[in-house]
Amino acid sequence: MSQTVGLLKDTALGYVVSYLELLQSGRGLANLNHLLIQTFLVVALVYLVVTASLSALARHLEARSARSAR
């Protein structure tokens, strides 16, 4: 149970840090190239790819853990 709570806290911290840094980088790039919509579409795509990859990895590890527990 303590590992679950720690994971929840770490996930929230990772979300805040990485999401805000990604948006800040997007703002800087948008100010530089004056392509606001295109820049934030790429930022959103990067965010979705990273989160989808991490979710797939978590599902894979969970399934592997469940198989080894049997």
PDB file of N, CA and C in Angstrom:
ATOM      1  N   MET A   1       0.819  -1.195   0.000  1.00  0.00           N
ATOM      2  CA  MET A   1       0.000   0.000   0.000  1.00  0.00           C
ATOM      3  C   MET A   1       0.864   1.261   0.000  1.00  0.00           C
ATOM      4  N   SER A   2       1.965   1.236   0.724  1.00  0.00           N
ATOM      5  CA  SER A   2       2.824   2.424   0.764  1.00  0.00           C
ATOM      6  C   SER A   2       3.463   2.688  -0.600  1.00  0.00           C
ATOM      7  N   GLN A   3       3.745   1.633  -1.352  1.00  0.00           N
ATOM      8  CA  GLN A   3       4.294   1.826  -2.696  1.00  0.00           C
ATOM      9  C   GLN A   3       3.269   2.466  -3.622  1.00  0.00           C
ATOM     10  N   THR A   4       2.016   2.114  -3.448  1.00  0.00           N
ATOM     11  CA  THR A   4       0.954   2.704  -4.259  1.00  0.00           C
ATOM     12  C   THR A   4       0.824   4.191  -3.981  1.00  0.00           C
ATOM     13  N   VAL A   5       0.874   4.563  -2.724  1.00  0.00           N
ATOM     14  CA  VAL A   5       0.788   5.973  -2.354  1.00  0.00           C
ATOM     15  C   VAL A   5       2.004   6.731  -2.902  1.00  0.00           C
ATOM     16  N   GLY A   6       3.184   6.143  -2.780  1.00  0.00           N
ATOM     17  CA  GLY A   6       4.392   6.775  -3.317  1.00  0.00           C
ATOM     18  C   GLY A   6       4.323   6.948  -4.818  1.00  0.00           C
ATOM     19  N   LEU A   7       3.799   5.944  -5.499  1.00  0.00           N
ATOM     20  CA  LEU A   7       3.651   6.021  -6.954  1.00  0.00           C
ATOM     21  C   LEU A   7       2.688   7.128  -7.339  1.00  0.00           C
ATOM     22  N   LEU A   8       1.601   7.245  -6.598  1.00  0.00           N
ATOM     23  CA  LEU A   8       0.623   8.295  -6.878  1.00  0.00           C
ATOM     24  C   LEU A   8       1.251   9.675  -6.711  1.00  0.00           C
ATOM     25  N   LYS A   9       1.999   9.872  -5.652  1.00  0.00           N
ATOM     26  CA  LYS A   9       2.656  11.161  -5.420  1.00  0.00           C
ATOM     27  C   LYS A   9       3.687  11.454  -6.493  1.00  0.00           C
ATOM     28  N   ASP A  10       4.493  10.458  -6.858  1.00  0.00           N
ATOM     29  CA  ASP A  10       5.518  10.655  -7.882  1.00  0.00           C
ATOM     30  C   ASP A  10       4.900  10.948  -9.239  1.00  0.00           C
ATOM     31  N   THR A  11       3.794  10.293  -9.546  1.00  0.00           N
ATOM     32  CA  THR A  11       3.120  10.522 -10.818  1.00  0.00           C
ATOM     33  C   THR A  11       2.590  11.948 -10.892  1.00  0.00           C
ATOM     34  N   ALA A  12       1.999  12.418  -9.811  1.00  0.00           N
ATOM     35  CA  ALA A  12       1.472  13.783  -9.791  1.00  0.00           C
ATOM     36  C   ALA A  12       2.608  14.788  -9.938  1.00  0.00           C
ATOM     37  N   LEU A  13       3.721  14.552  -9.270  1.00  0.00           N
ATOM     38  CA  LEU A  13       4.862  15.457  -9.373  1.00  0.00           C
ATOM     39  C   LEU A  13       5.423  15.446 -10.794  1.00  0.00           C
ATOM     40  N   GLY A  14       5.549  14.258 -11.375  1.00  0.00           N
ATOM     41  CA  GLY A  14       6.038  14.160 -12.745  1.00  0.00           C
ATOM     42  C   GLY A  14       5.128  14.857 -13.726  1.00  0.00           C
ATOM     43  N   TYR A  15       3.818  14.776 -13.493  1.00  0.00           N
ATOM     44  CA  TYR A  15       2.846  15.440 -14.360  1.00  0.00           C
ATOM     45  C   TYR A  15       3.039  16.948 -14.297  1.00  0.00           C
ATOM     46  N   VAL A  16       3.143  17.481 -13.097  1.00  0.00           N
ATOM     47  CA  VAL A  16       3.240  18.930 -12.946  1.00  0.00           C
ATOM     48  C   VAL A  16       4.536  19.446 -13.551  1.00  0.00           C
ATOM     49  N   VAL A  17       5.636  18.792 -13.260  1.00  0.00           N
ATOM     50  CA  VAL A  17       6.928  19.271 -13.740  1.00  0.00           C
ATOM     51  C   VAL A  17       7.025  19.135 -15.250  1.00  0.00           C
ATOM     52  N   SER A  18       6.772  17.959 -15.772  1.00  0.00           N
ATOM     53  CA  SER A  18       6.956  17.760 -17.207  1.00  0.00           C
ATOM     54  C   SER A  18       5.934  18.529 -18.036  1.00  0.00           C
ATOM     55  N   TYR A  19       4.700  18.577 -17.604  1.00  0.00           N
ATOM     56  CA  TYR A  19       3.657  19.267 -18.356  1.00  0.00           C
ATOM     57  C   TYR A  19       3.930  20.764 -18.410  1.00  0.00           C
ATOM     58  N   LEU A  20       4.266  21.349 -17.277  1.00  0.00           N
ATOM     59  CA  LEU A  20       4.537  22.789 -17.247  1.00  0.00           C
ATOM     60  C   LEU A  20       5.790  23.139 -18.035  1.00  0.00           C
ATOM     61  N   GLU A  21       6.818  22.308 -17.950  1.00  0.00           N
ATOM     62  CA  GLU A  21       8.038  22.570 -18.712  1.00  0.00           C
ATOM     63  C   GLU A  21       7.778  22.450 -20.203  1.00  0.00           C
ATOM     64  N   LEU A  22       6.975  21.478 -20.594  1.00  0.00           N
ATOM     65  CA  LEU A  22       6.642  21.299 -22.005  1.00  0.00           C
ATOM     66  C   LEU A  22       5.859  22.506 -22.521  1.00  0.00           C
ATOM     67  N   LEU A  23       4.903  22.988 -21.746  1.00  0.00           N
ATOM     68  CA  LEU A  23       4.137  24.164 -22.165  1.00  0.00           C
ATOM     69  C   LEU A  23       5.016  25.409 -22.237  1.00  0.00           C
ATOM     70  N   GLN A  24       5.917  25.561 -21.285  1.00  0.00           N
ATOM     71  CA  GLN A  24       6.809  26.716 -21.292  1.00  0.00           C
ATOM     72  C   GLN A  24       7.720  26.691 -22.520  1.00  0.00           C
ATOM     73  N   SER A  25       8.219  25.525 -22.862  1.00  0.00           N
ATOM     74  CA  SER A  25       9.049  25.398 -24.069  1.00  0.00           C
ATOM     75  C   SER A  25       8.227  25.712 -25.315  1.00  0.00           C
ATOM     76  N   GLY A  26       6.984  25.254 -25.336  1.00  0.00           N
ATOM     77  CA  GLY A  26       6.094  25.553 -26.459  1.00  0.00           C
ATOM     78  C   GLY A  26       5.831  27.041 -26.595  1.00  0.00           C
ATOM     79  N   ARG A  27       5.623  27.707 -25.480  1.00  0.00           N
ATOM     80  CA  ARG A  27       5.401  29.159 -25.526  1.00  0.00           C
ATOM     81  C   ARG A  27       6.623  29.879 -26.088  1.00  0.00           C
ATOM     82  N   GLY A  28       7.801  29.468 -25.626  1.00  0.00           N
ATOM     83  CA  GLY A  28       9.024  30.094 -26.122  1.00  0.00           C
ATOM     84  C   GLY A  28       9.207  29.876 -27.611  1.00  0.00           C
ATOM     85  N   LEU A  29       8.956  28.666 -28.072  1.00  0.00           N
ATOM     86  CA  LEU A  29       9.083  28.363 -29.489  1.00  0.00           C
ATOM     87  C   LEU A  29       8.037  29.103 -30.311  1.00  0.00           C
ATOM     88  N   ALA A  30       6.822  29.191 -29.802  1.00  0.00           N
ATOM     89  CA  ALA A  30       5.759  29.914 -30.513  1.00  0.00           C
ATOM     90  C   ALA A  30       6.092  31.401 -30.629  1.00  0.00           C
ATOM     91  N   ASN A  31       6.695  31.968 -29.599  1.00  0.00           N
ATOM     92  CA  ASN A  31       7.102  33.374 -29.666  1.00  0.00           C
ATOM     93  C   ASN A  31       8.223  33.567 -30.678  1.00  0.00           C
ATOM     94  N   LEU A  32       9.052  32.564 -30.818  1.00  0.00           N
ATOM     95  CA  LEU A  32      10.187  32.654 -31.731  1.00  0.00           C
ATOM     96  C   LEU A  32       9.749  32.522 -33.190  1.00  0.00           C
ATOM     97  N   ASN A  33       8.890  31.553 -33.492  1.00  0.00           N
ATOM     98  CA  ASN A  33       8.543  31.301 -34.894  1.00  0.00           C
ATOM     99  C   ASN A  33       7.172  31.864 -35.299  1.00  0.00           C
ATOM    100  N   HIS A  34       6.424  32.426 -34.360  1.00  0.00           N
ATOM    101  CA  HIS A  34       5.119  33.046 -34.612  1.00  0.00           C
ATOM    102  C   HIS A  34       4.109  32.075 -35.231  1.00  0.00           C
ATOM    103  N   LEU A  35       4.231  30.797 -34.918  1.00  0.00           N
ATOM    104  CA  LEU A  35       3.286  29.777 -35.369  1.00  0.00           C
ATOM    105  C   LEU A  35       2.646  29.140 -34.132  1.00  0.00           C
ATOM    106  N   LEU A  36       1.739  29.857 -33.523  1.00  0.00           N
ATOM    107  CA  LEU A  36       1.167  29.450 -32.240  1.00  0.00           C
ATOM    108  C   LEU A  36       0.427  28.114 -32.322  1.00  0.00           C
ATOM    109  N   ILE A  37      -0.512  27.992 -33.236  1.00  0.00           N
ATOM    110  CA  ILE A  37      -1.345  26.793 -33.307  1.00  0.00           C
ATOM    111  C   ILE A  37      -0.515  25.571 -33.672  1.00  0.00           C
ATOM    112  N   GLN A  38       0.347  25.698 -34.679  1.00  0.00           N
ATOM    113  CA  GLN A  38       1.165  24.578 -35.105  1.00  0.00           C
ATOM    114  C   GLN A  38       2.104  24.124 -33.991  1.00  0.00           C
ATOM    115  N   THR A  39       2.673  25.085 -33.287  1.00  0.00           N
ATOM    116  CA  THR A  39       3.595  24.750 -32.197  1.00  0.00           C
ATOM    117  C   THR A  39       2.884  23.984 -31.095  1.00  0.00           C
ATOM    118  N   PHE A  40       1.704  24.447 -30.695  1.00  0.00           N
ATOM    119  CA  PHE A  40       1.002  23.766 -29.618  1.00  0.00           C
ATOM    120  C   PHE A  40       0.390  22.441 -30.061  1.00  0.00           C
ATOM    121  N   LEU A  41       0.120  22.285 -31.352  1.00  0.00           N
ATOM    122  CA  LEU A  41      -0.292  20.963 -31.845  1.00  0.00           C
ATOM    123  C   LEU A  41       0.851  19.962 -31.713  1.00  0.00           C
ATOM    124  N   VAL A  42       2.058  20.395 -32.024  1.00  0.00           N
ATOM    125  CA  VAL A  42       3.227  19.519 -31.862  1.00  0.00           C
ATOM    126  C   VAL A  42       3.469  19.228 -30.389  1.00  0.00           C
ATOM    127  N   VAL A  43       3.329  20.232 -29.528  1.00  0.00           N
ATOM    128  CA  VAL A  43       3.494  20.033 -28.085  1.00  0.00           C
ATOM    129  C   VAL A  43       2.473  19.022 -27.584  1.00  0.00           C
ATOM    130  N   ALA A  44       1.224  19.143 -28.020  1.00  0.00           N
ATOM    131  CA  ALA A  44       0.181  18.202 -27.600  1.00  0.00           C
ATOM    132  C   ALA A  44       0.493  16.795 -28.101  1.00  0.00           C
ATOM    133  N   LEU A  45       0.971  16.686 -29.328  1.00  0.00           N
ATOM    134  CA  LEU A  45       1.331  15.388 -29.884  1.00  0.00           C
ATOM    135  C   LEU A  45       2.469  14.739 -29.098  1.00  0.00           C
ATOM    136  N   VAL A  46       3.475  15.517 -28.754  1.00  0.00           N
ATOM    137  CA  VAL A  46       4.594  14.996 -27.953  1.00  0.00           C
ATOM    138  C   VAL A  46       4.082  14.502 -26.610  1.00  0.00           C
ATOM    139  N   TYR A  47       3.227  15.290 -25.972  1.00  0.00           N
ATOM    140  CA  TYR A  47       2.688  14.910 -24.672  1.00  0.00           C
ATOM    141  C   TYR A  47       1.880  13.614 -24.767  1.00  0.00           C
ATOM    142  N   LEU A  48       1.057  13.505 -25.797  1.00  0.00           N
ATOM    143  CA  LEU A  48       0.252  12.298 -25.971  1.00  0.00           C
ATOM    144  C   LEU A  48       1.115  11.073 -26.247  1.00  0.00           C
ATOM    145  N   VAL A  49       2.140  11.221 -27.054  1.00  0.00           N
ATOM    146  CA  VAL A  49       3.033  10.098 -27.346  1.00  0.00           C
ATOM    147  C   VAL A  49       3.758   9.633 -26.087  1.00  0.00           C
ATOM    148  N   VAL A  50       4.243  10.573 -25.302  1.00  0.00           N
ATOM    149  CA  VAL A  50       4.965  10.208 -24.074  1.00  0.00           C
ATOM    150  C   VAL A  50       4.029   9.525 -23.083  1.00  0.00           C
ATOM    151  N   THR A  51       2.848  10.087 -22.862  1.00  0.00           N
ATOM    152  CA  THR A  51       1.940   9.483 -21.885  1.00  0.00           C
ATOM    153  C   THR A  51       1.397   8.142 -22.363  1.00  0.00           C
ATOM    154  N   ALA A  52       1.127   8.014 -23.661  1.00  0.00           N
ATOM    155  CA  ALA A  52       0.645   6.738 -24.190  1.00  0.00           C
ATOM    156  C   ALA A  52       1.730   5.667 -24.079  1.00  0.00           C
ATOM    157  N   SER A  53       2.968   6.039 -24.337  1.00  0.00           N
ATOM    158  CA  SER A  53       4.080   5.091 -24.215  1.00  0.00           C
ATOM    159  C   SER A  53       4.257   4.631 -22.774  1.00  0.00           C
ATOM    160  N   LEU A  54       4.183   5.566 -21.847  1.00  0.00           N
ATOM    161  CA  LEU A  54       4.321   5.199 -20.435  1.00  0.00           C
ATOM    162  C   LEU A  54       3.154   4.332 -19.972  1.00  0.00           C
ATOM    163  N   SER A  55       1.962   4.612 -20.455  1.00  0.00           N
ATOM    164  CA  SER A  55       0.807   3.791 -20.090  1.00  0.00           C
ATOM    165  C   SER A  55       0.940   2.379 -20.641  1.00  0.00           C
ATOM    166  N   ALA A  56       1.404   2.267 -21.880  1.00  0.00           N
ATOM    167  CA  ALA A  56       1.600   0.944 -22.479  1.00  0.00           C
ATOM    168  C   ALA A  56       2.675   0.168 -21.723  1.00  0.00           C
ATOM    169  N   LEU A  57       3.734   0.841 -21.340  1.00  0.00           N
ATOM    170  CA  LEU A  57       4.788   0.190 -20.563  1.00  0.00           C
ATOM    171  C   LEU A  57       4.254  -0.280 -19.217  1.00  0.00           C
ATOM    172  N   ALA A  58       3.451   0.542 -18.562  1.00  0.00           N
ATOM    173  CA  ALA A  58       2.879   0.159 -17.275  1.00  0.00           C
ATOM    174  C   ALA A  58       1.960  -1.049 -17.421  1.00  0.00           C
ATOM    175  N   ARG A  59       1.135  -1.077 -18.466  1.00  0.00           N
ATOM    176  CA  ARG A  59       0.260  -2.230 -18.692  1.00  0.00           C
ATOM    177  C   ARG A  59       1.067  -3.492 -18.963  1.00  0.00           C
ATOM    178  N   HIS A  60       2.123  -3.351 -19.737  1.00  0.00           N
ATOM    179  CA  HIS A  60       2.984  -4.499 -20.039  1.00  0.00           C
ATOM    180  C   HIS A  60       3.635  -5.040 -18.766  1.00  0.00           C
ATOM    181  N   LEU A  61       4.165  -4.157 -17.952  1.00  0.00           N
ATOM    182  CA  LEU A  61       4.805  -4.589 -16.707  1.00  0.00           C
ATOM    183  C   LEU A  61       3.798  -5.209 -15.743  1.00  0.00           C
ATOM    184  N   GLU A  62       2.603  -4.659 -15.704  1.00  0.00           N
ATOM    185  CA  GLU A  62       1.561  -5.207 -14.832  1.00  0.00           C
ATOM    186  C   GLU A  62       1.153  -6.606 -15.293  1.00  0.00           C
ATOM    187  N   ALA A  63       1.001  -6.782 -16.594  1.00  0.00           N
ATOM    188  CA  ALA A  63       0.638  -8.103 -17.128  1.00  0.00           C
ATOM    189  C   ALA A  63       1.750  -9.114 -16.872  1.00  0.00           C
ATOM    190  N   ARG A  64       2.980  -8.688 -17.039  1.00  0.00           N
ATOM    191  CA  ARG A  64       4.116  -9.580 -16.773  1.00  0.00           C
ATOM    192  C   ARG A  64       4.197  -9.954 -15.300  1.00  0.00           C
ATOM    193  N   SER A  65       3.916  -9.001 -14.450  1.00  0.00           N
ATOM    194  CA  SER A  65       3.917  -9.253 -13.009  1.00  0.00           C
ATOM    195  C   SER A  65       2.795 -10.214 -12.632  1.00  0.00           C
ATOM    196  N   ALA A  66       1.633 -10.052 -13.242  1.00  0.00           N
ATOM    197  CA  ALA A  66       0.499 -10.938 -12.945  1.00  0.00           C
ATOM    198  C   ALA A  66       0.787 -12.360 -13.411  1.00  0.00           C
ATOM    199  N   ARG A  67       1.464 -12.514 -14.555  1.00  0.00           N
ATOM    200  CA  ARG A  67       1.793 -13.851 -15.044  1.00  0.00           C
ATOM    201  C   ARG A  67       2.807 -14.535 -14.141  1.00  0.00           C
ATOM    202  N   SER A  68       3.775 -13.782 -13.641  1.00  0.00           N
ATOM    203  CA  SER A  68       4.792 -14.398 -12.791  1.00  0.00           C
ATOM    204  C   SER A  68       4.254 -14.724 -11.398  1.00  0.00           C
ATOM    205  N   ALA A  69       3.182 -14.049 -10.976  1.00  0.00           N
ATOM    206  CA  ALA A  69       2.600 -14.298  -9.658  1.00  0.00           C
ATOM    207  C   ALA A  69       1.784 -15.607  -9.644  1.00  0.00           C
ATOM    208  N   ARG A  70       1.393 -16.087 -10.804  1.00  0.00           N
ATOM    209  CA  ARG A  70       0.564 -17.292 -10.870  1.00  0.00           C
ATOM    210  C   ARG A  70       1.364 -18.494 -10.654  1.00  0.00           C
TER     211      ARG A  70
END
